[in-house]
Amino acid sequence: MEEIERLYAERGGRRYGEGVTQLEHALQCAELALADDAPAAVVVAALLHDVGHLFAREETALTHDERHEAVGAQALKGLFGAAVVRPIALHVAAKRYLCCKSPNYFEALSPASRQTLGLQGGVFSPSQAAAFERRPGWREAVAVRRYDDGGKRDRPAAVRFADFMPMMRGLIANA
C-alpha cells in the first residue's frame, strides 16, 4: 500500500494529454465513484485504474499503446482481488465498447482519449462488443470508464489519496 501511495506521490504529477495530473485524475475518478455510491472495489478501481501509466515513460503516452490497463492490473493482482483488478484490466476495452454501443460517446471523449482510442485498437465491432459483455466485470469496467471520462475537470477533488487508504486496506484484507 505504501508503495502505491509513494508511486502516486513521486509520479502522480505527470500529465498525459489531459488538463489534469495523474494524481488529480485518480482522485476525481474515485470521488465520482463515491458520489455514485459505488461499491468499495469499484471506488478503488476508479482510483487506481491508470496506475499503469505511472510505470511507462511519460513522453510516449499519446504515441504508443503501452497497455497501461494490463500493466496496472498485473501490478495490483497480488494485492487486490478480481473485483478491483478486473475493471482496471478492462477499462480500455470499456472505452472501445462504449464507442460501439453509444452513438454519441465518441464525440464526448476528450481529444487525448480520442487519440489513444486508435492506438488501443479502435471502436469495437458489434461482435467484439457482444464478447465484451460476456466477460466477468464488464459492467464495473464500464462504470470505471465513465468515471475516467468525468475525472478530467478543472477543479481539484475534495479528497486526498490518503483518504482511500482504509478502504484499500479493507479490500486487501478481503482479497
C-alpha atoms as a PDB file:
ATOM      1  CA  MET A   1       0.000   0.000   0.000  1.00  0.00           C
ATOM      2  CA  GLU A   2       2.769   2.384   0.890  1.00  0.00           C
ATOM      3  CA  GLU A   3       4.468   1.668  -2.451  1.00  0.00           C
ATOM      4  CA  ILE A   4       1.312   2.649  -4.331  1.00  0.00           C
ATOM      5  CA  GLU A   5       0.986   5.823  -2.302  1.00  0.00           C
ATOM      6  CA  ARG A   6       4.667   6.620  -2.907  1.00  0.00           C
ATOM      7  CA  LEU A   7       4.290   5.943  -6.650  1.00  0.00           C
ATOM      8  CA  TYR A   8       1.465   8.485  -6.879  1.00  0.00           C
ATOM      9  CA  ALA A   9       3.434  10.959  -4.748  1.00  0.00           C
ATOM     10  CA  GLU A  10       6.520  10.635  -6.976  1.00  0.00           C
ATOM     11  CA  ARG A  11       4.923  10.263 -10.420  1.00  0.00           C
ATOM     12  CA  GLY A  12       1.365  11.480  -9.940  1.00  0.00           C
ATOM     13  CA  GLY A  13       2.309  14.946 -11.198  1.00  0.00           C
ATOM     14  CA  ARG A  14       2.656  13.570 -14.713  1.00  0.00           C
ATOM     15  CA  ARG A  15       0.264  14.710 -17.416  1.00  0.00           C
ATOM     16  CA  TYR A  16      -0.813  12.558 -20.321  1.00  0.00           C
ATOM     17  CA  GLY A  17      -2.526  14.928 -22.701  1.00  0.00           C
ATOM     18  CA  GLU A  18      -5.357  15.868 -20.356  1.00  0.00           C
ATOM     19  CA  GLY A  19      -5.730  19.048 -18.328  1.00  0.00           C
ATOM     20  CA  VAL A  20      -5.108  17.266 -15.020  1.00  0.00           C
ATOM     21  CA  THR A  21      -2.256  15.346 -13.456  1.00  0.00           C
ATOM     22  CA  GLN A  22      -2.404  11.593 -12.989  1.00  0.00           C
ATOM     23  CA  LEU A  23      -2.964  12.048  -9.256  1.00  0.00           C
ATOM     24  CA  GLU A  24      -5.729  14.609  -9.707  1.00  0.00           C
ATOM     25  CA  HIS A  25      -7.370  12.391 -12.329  1.00  0.00           C
ATOM     26  CA  ALA A  26      -7.261   9.400  -9.973  1.00  0.00           C
ATOM     27  CA  LEU A  27      -8.773  11.414  -7.133  1.00  0.00           C
ATOM     28  CA  GLN A  28     -11.525  12.890  -9.296  1.00  0.00           C
ATOM     29  CA  CYS A  29     -12.461   9.443 -10.631  1.00  0.00           C
ATOM     30  CA  ALA A  30     -12.638   7.959  -7.137  1.00  0.00           C
ATOM     31  CA  GLU A  31     -14.631  10.960  -5.926  1.00  0.00           C
ATOM     32  CA  LEU A  32     -17.157  10.407  -8.728  1.00  0.00           C
ATOM     33  CA  ALA A  33     -17.441   6.734  -7.776  1.00  0.00           C
ATOM     34  CA  LEU A  34     -18.039   7.694  -4.144  1.00  0.00           C
ATOM     35  CA  ALA A  35     -20.719  10.188  -5.165  1.00  0.00           C
ATOM     36  CA  ASP A  36     -22.341   7.410  -7.193  1.00  0.00           C
ATOM     37  CA  ASP A  37     -22.397   5.129  -4.103  1.00  0.00           C
ATOM     38  CA  ALA A  38     -20.311   2.586  -5.999  1.00  0.00           C
ATOM     39  CA  PRO A  39     -19.053  -0.455  -4.093  1.00  0.00           C
ATOM     40  CA  ALA A  40     -15.644  -0.055  -2.420  1.00  0.00           C
ATOM     41  CA  ALA A  41     -13.966  -2.259  -5.035  1.00  0.00           C
ATOM     42  CA  VAL A  42     -15.212  -0.001  -7.841  1.00  0.00           C
ATOM     43  CA  VAL A  43     -14.120   3.125  -5.961  1.00  0.00           C
ATOM     44  CA  VAL A  44     -10.614   1.699  -5.578  1.00  0.00           C
ATOM     45  CA  ALA A  45     -10.588   0.548  -9.216  1.00  0.00           C
ATOM     46  CA  ALA A  46     -11.553   4.100 -10.220  1.00  0.00           C
ATOM     47  CA  LEU A  47      -8.745   5.479  -8.065  1.00  0.00           C
ATOM     48  CA  LEU A  48      -6.094   3.105  -9.420  1.00  0.00           C
ATOM     49  CA  HIS A  49      -7.314   2.439 -12.979  1.00  0.00           C
ATOM     50  CA  ASP A  50      -4.444   4.366 -14.604  1.00  0.00           C
ATOM     51  CA  VAL A  51      -1.650   3.246 -12.268  1.00  0.00           C
ATOM     52  CA  GLY A  52      -0.043   1.504 -15.260  1.00  0.00           C
ATOM     53  CA  HIS A  53       0.676   4.939 -16.776  1.00  0.00           C
ATOM     54  CA  LEU A  54       2.988   5.608 -13.844  1.00  0.00           C
ATOM     55  CA  PHE A  55       5.245   2.725 -14.887  1.00  0.00           C
ATOM     56  CA  ALA A  56       5.521   3.891 -18.520  1.00  0.00           C
ATOM     57  CA  ARG A  57       7.705   6.583 -19.989  1.00  0.00           C
ATOM     58  CA  GLU A  58       5.775   9.822 -19.711  1.00  0.00           C
ATOM     59  CA  GLU A  59       6.563  11.079 -23.203  1.00  0.00           C
ATOM     60  CA  THR A  60       5.088   8.055 -25.019  1.00  0.00           C
ATOM     61  CA  ALA A  61       1.564   8.077 -23.544  1.00  0.00           C
ATOM     62  CA  LEU A  62      -0.016   9.609 -26.662  1.00  0.00           C
ATOM     63  CA  THR A  63       2.152   7.942 -29.284  1.00  0.00           C
ATOM     64  CA  HIS A  64       2.300   4.277 -28.229  1.00  0.00           C
ATOM     65  CA  ASP A  65      -0.137   1.879 -26.630  1.00  0.00           C
ATOM     66  CA  GLU A  66       1.832   0.796 -23.597  1.00  0.00           C
ATOM     67  CA  ARG A  67      -1.140  -1.308 -22.423  1.00  0.00           C
ATOM     68  CA  HIS A  68      -1.329   0.606 -19.177  1.00  0.00           C
ATOM     69  CA  GLU A  69      -4.503  -1.261 -18.240  1.00  0.00           C
ATOM     70  CA  ALA A  70      -2.706  -4.629 -18.354  1.00  0.00           C
ATOM     71  CA  VAL A  71       0.417  -3.262 -16.650  1.00  0.00           C
ATOM     72  CA  GLY A  72      -1.665  -1.764 -13.849  1.00  0.00           C
ATOM     73  CA  ALA A  73      -3.824  -4.850 -13.390  1.00  0.00           C
ATOM     74  CA  GLN A  74      -0.744  -7.064 -13.257  1.00  0.00           C
ATOM     75  CA  ALA A  75       0.936  -4.801 -10.697  1.00  0.00           C
ATOM     76  CA  LEU A  76      -2.138  -4.895  -8.438  1.00  0.00           C
ATOM     77  CA  LYS A  77      -3.070  -8.553  -8.930  1.00  0.00           C
ATOM     78  CA  GLY A  78      -1.201  -9.843  -5.889  1.00  0.00           C
ATOM     79  CA  LEU A  79      -2.637  -7.125  -3.679  1.00  0.00           C
ATOM     80  CA  PHE A  80      -6.318  -6.878  -4.592  1.00  0.00           C
ATOM     81  CA  GLY A  81      -8.915  -9.363  -5.686  1.00  0.00           C
ATOM     82  CA  ALA A  82     -10.692  -9.587  -9.032  1.00  0.00           C
ATOM     83  CA  ALA A  83     -13.363  -7.061  -8.017  1.00  0.00           C
ATOM     84  CA  VAL A  84     -10.680  -4.340  -8.150  1.00  0.00           C
ATOM     85  CA  VAL A  85      -8.330  -5.759 -10.778  1.00  0.00           C
ATOM     86  CA  ARG A  86     -10.863  -6.734 -13.481  1.00  0.00           C
ATOM     87  CA  PRO A  87     -12.328  -3.238 -14.008  1.00  0.00           C
ATOM     88  CA  ILE A  88      -8.796  -1.870 -14.245  1.00  0.00           C
ATOM     89  CA  ALA A  89      -7.812  -4.517 -16.787  1.00  0.00           C
ATOM     90  CA  LEU A  90     -10.970  -3.865 -18.821  1.00  0.00           C
ATOM     91  CA  HIS A  91     -11.373  -0.079 -18.670  1.00  0.00           C
ATOM     92  CA  VAL A  92      -9.729   0.484 -22.079  1.00  0.00           C
ATOM     93  CA  ALA A  93     -11.909  -2.208 -23.626  1.00  0.00           C
ATOM     94  CA  ALA A  94     -14.863  -0.436 -21.983  1.00  0.00           C
ATOM     95  CA  LYS A  95     -13.996   2.736 -23.912  1.00  0.00           C
ATOM     96  CA  ARG A  96     -13.910   0.765 -27.159  1.00  0.00           C
ATOM     97  CA  TYR A  97     -17.212  -0.883 -26.177  1.00  0.00           C
ATOM     98  CA  LEU A  98     -18.958   2.391 -25.336  1.00  0.00           C
ATOM     99  CA  CYS A  99     -17.882   3.872 -28.666  1.00  0.00           C
ATOM    100  CA  CYS A 100     -19.638   0.967 -30.376  1.00  0.00           C
ATOM    101  CA  LYS A 101     -22.765   0.899 -28.215  1.00  0.00           C
ATOM    102  CA  SER A 102     -23.401   4.604 -27.591  1.00  0.00           C
ATOM    103  CA  PRO A 103     -23.500   6.712 -30.762  1.00  0.00           C
ATOM    104  CA  ASN A 104     -22.622   9.998 -29.018  1.00  0.00           C
ATOM    105  CA  TYR A 105     -19.936   8.569 -26.750  1.00  0.00           C
ATOM    106  CA  PHE A 106     -17.027   9.108 -29.140  1.00  0.00           C
ATOM    107  CA  GLU A 107     -17.948  12.762 -29.634  1.00  0.00           C
ATOM    108  CA  ALA A 108     -17.914  13.301 -25.869  1.00  0.00           C
ATOM    109  CA  LEU A 109     -14.393  11.869 -25.447  1.00  0.00           C
ATOM    110  CA  SER A 110     -11.560  14.242 -24.674  1.00  0.00           C
ATOM    111  CA  PRO A 111      -9.092  14.850 -27.520  1.00  0.00           C
ATOM    112  CA  ALA A 112      -6.459  12.720 -25.766  1.00  0.00           C
ATOM    113  CA  SER A 113      -8.933   9.842 -25.308  1.00  0.00           C
ATOM    114  CA  ARG A 114      -9.857  10.012 -28.987  1.00  0.00           C
ATOM    115  CA  GLN A 115      -6.193   9.903 -29.947  1.00  0.00           C
ATOM    116  CA  THR A 116      -5.413   6.918 -27.724  1.00  0.00           C
ATOM    117  CA  LEU A 117      -8.518   5.063 -28.910  1.00  0.00           C
ATOM    118  CA  GLY A 118      -6.826   4.472 -32.245  1.00  0.00           C
ATOM    119  CA  LEU A 119      -3.676   3.217 -30.541  1.00  0.00           C
ATOM    120  CA  GLN A 120      -5.777   0.887 -28.392  1.00  0.00           C
ATOM    121  CA  GLY A 121      -7.470  -0.881 -31.297  1.00  0.00           C
ATOM    122  CA  GLY A 122     -10.299   1.496 -32.186  1.00  0.00           C
ATOM    123  CA  VAL A 123     -14.029   1.092 -31.809  1.00  0.00           C
ATOM    124  CA  PHE A 124     -15.283  -2.426 -31.113  1.00  0.00           C
ATOM    125  CA  SER A 125     -17.225  -4.218 -33.807  1.00  0.00           C
ATOM    126  CA  PRO A 126     -20.656  -5.494 -32.753  1.00  0.00           C
ATOM    127  CA  SER A 127     -19.225  -8.994 -32.268  1.00  0.00           C
ATOM    128  CA  GLN A 128     -16.385  -7.639 -30.116  1.00  0.00           C
ATOM    129  CA  ALA A 129     -18.914  -5.697 -28.047  1.00  0.00           C
ATOM    130  CA  ALA A 130     -21.001  -8.868 -27.559  1.00  0.00           C
ATOM    131  CA  ALA A 131     -17.876 -10.763 -26.474  1.00  0.00           C
ATOM    132  CA  PHE A 132     -17.018  -7.953 -24.035  1.00  0.00           C
ATOM    133  CA  GLU A 133     -20.478  -8.278 -22.452  1.00  0.00           C
ATOM    134  CA  ARG A 134     -19.674 -11.915 -21.656  1.00  0.00           C
ATOM    135  CA  ARG A 135     -16.575 -11.019 -19.621  1.00  0.00           C
ATOM    136  CA  PRO A 136     -16.819 -11.029 -15.836  1.00  0.00           C
ATOM    137  CA  GLY A 137     -16.656  -7.495 -14.500  1.00  0.00           C
ATOM    138  CA  TRP A 138     -17.621  -5.763 -17.736  1.00  0.00           C
ATOM    139  CA  ARG A 139     -20.313  -3.621 -16.099  1.00  0.00           C
ATOM    140  CA  GLU A 140     -17.901  -2.447 -13.412  1.00  0.00           C
ATOM    141  CA  ALA A 141     -15.337  -1.673 -16.128  1.00  0.00           C
ATOM    142  CA  VAL A 142     -17.921   0.480 -17.928  1.00  0.00           C
ATOM    143  CA  ALA A 143     -18.611   2.314 -14.664  1.00  0.00           C
ATOM    144  CA  VAL A 144     -14.885   2.921 -14.132  1.00  0.00           C
ATOM    145  CA  ARG A 145     -14.609   4.129 -17.720  1.00  0.00           C
ATOM    146  CA  ARG A 146     -17.399   6.643 -17.167  1.00  0.00           C
ATOM    147  CA  TYR A 147     -15.662   7.901 -14.013  1.00  0.00           C
ATOM    148  CA  ASP A 148     -12.486   8.090 -16.112  1.00  0.00           C
ATOM    149  CA  ASP A 149     -14.269  10.344 -18.602  1.00  0.00           C
ATOM    150  CA  GLY A 150     -15.597  12.575 -15.834  1.00  0.00           C
ATOM    151  CA  GLY A 151     -12.341  12.790 -13.909  1.00  0.00           C
ATOM    152  CA  LYS A 152     -10.752  15.474 -16.056  1.00  0.00           C
ATOM    153  CA  ARG A 153     -12.252  18.614 -14.500  1.00  0.00           C
ATOM    154  CA  ASP A 154     -10.505  21.922 -13.900  1.00  0.00           C
ATOM    155  CA  ARG A 155     -11.348  21.987 -10.217  1.00  0.00           C
ATOM    156  CA  PRO A 156      -9.467  19.836  -7.714  1.00  0.00           C
ATOM    157  CA  ALA A 157     -11.031  16.870  -5.975  1.00  0.00           C
ATOM    158  CA  ALA A 158     -12.180  17.340  -2.397  1.00  0.00           C
ATOM    159  CA  VAL A 159     -10.450  14.098  -1.367  1.00  0.00           C
ATOM    160  CA  ARG A 160      -6.830  13.099  -0.845  1.00  0.00           C
ATOM    161  CA  PHE A 161      -5.102   9.844  -1.711  1.00  0.00           C
ATOM    162  CA  ALA A 162      -4.670   9.103   1.995  1.00  0.00           C
ATOM    163  CA  ASP A 163      -8.465   9.211   2.403  1.00  0.00           C
ATOM    164  CA  PHE A 164      -8.683   5.955   0.435  1.00  0.00           C
ATOM    165  CA  MET A 165      -6.048   4.028   2.381  1.00  0.00           C
ATOM    166  CA  PRO A 166      -8.528   2.496   4.880  1.00  0.00           C
ATOM    167  CA  MET A 167     -10.796   1.405   2.033  1.00  0.00           C
ATOM    168  CA  MET A 168      -7.863  -0.138   0.174  1.00  0.00           C
ATOM    169  CA  ARG A 169      -6.646  -1.906   3.328  1.00  0.00           C
ATOM    170  CA  GLY A 170     -10.134  -3.334   3.842  1.00  0.00           C
ATOM    171  CA  LEU A 171     -10.157  -4.706   0.323  1.00  0.00           C
ATOM    172  CA  ILE A 172      -6.726  -6.254   0.790  1.00  0.00           C
ATOM    173  CA  ALA A 173      -7.904  -7.987   3.921  1.00  0.00           C
ATOM    174  CA  ASN A 174     -10.870  -9.410   1.980  1.00  0.00           C
ATOM    175  CA  ALA A 175      -8.857 -10.467  -1.097  1.00  0.00           C
END
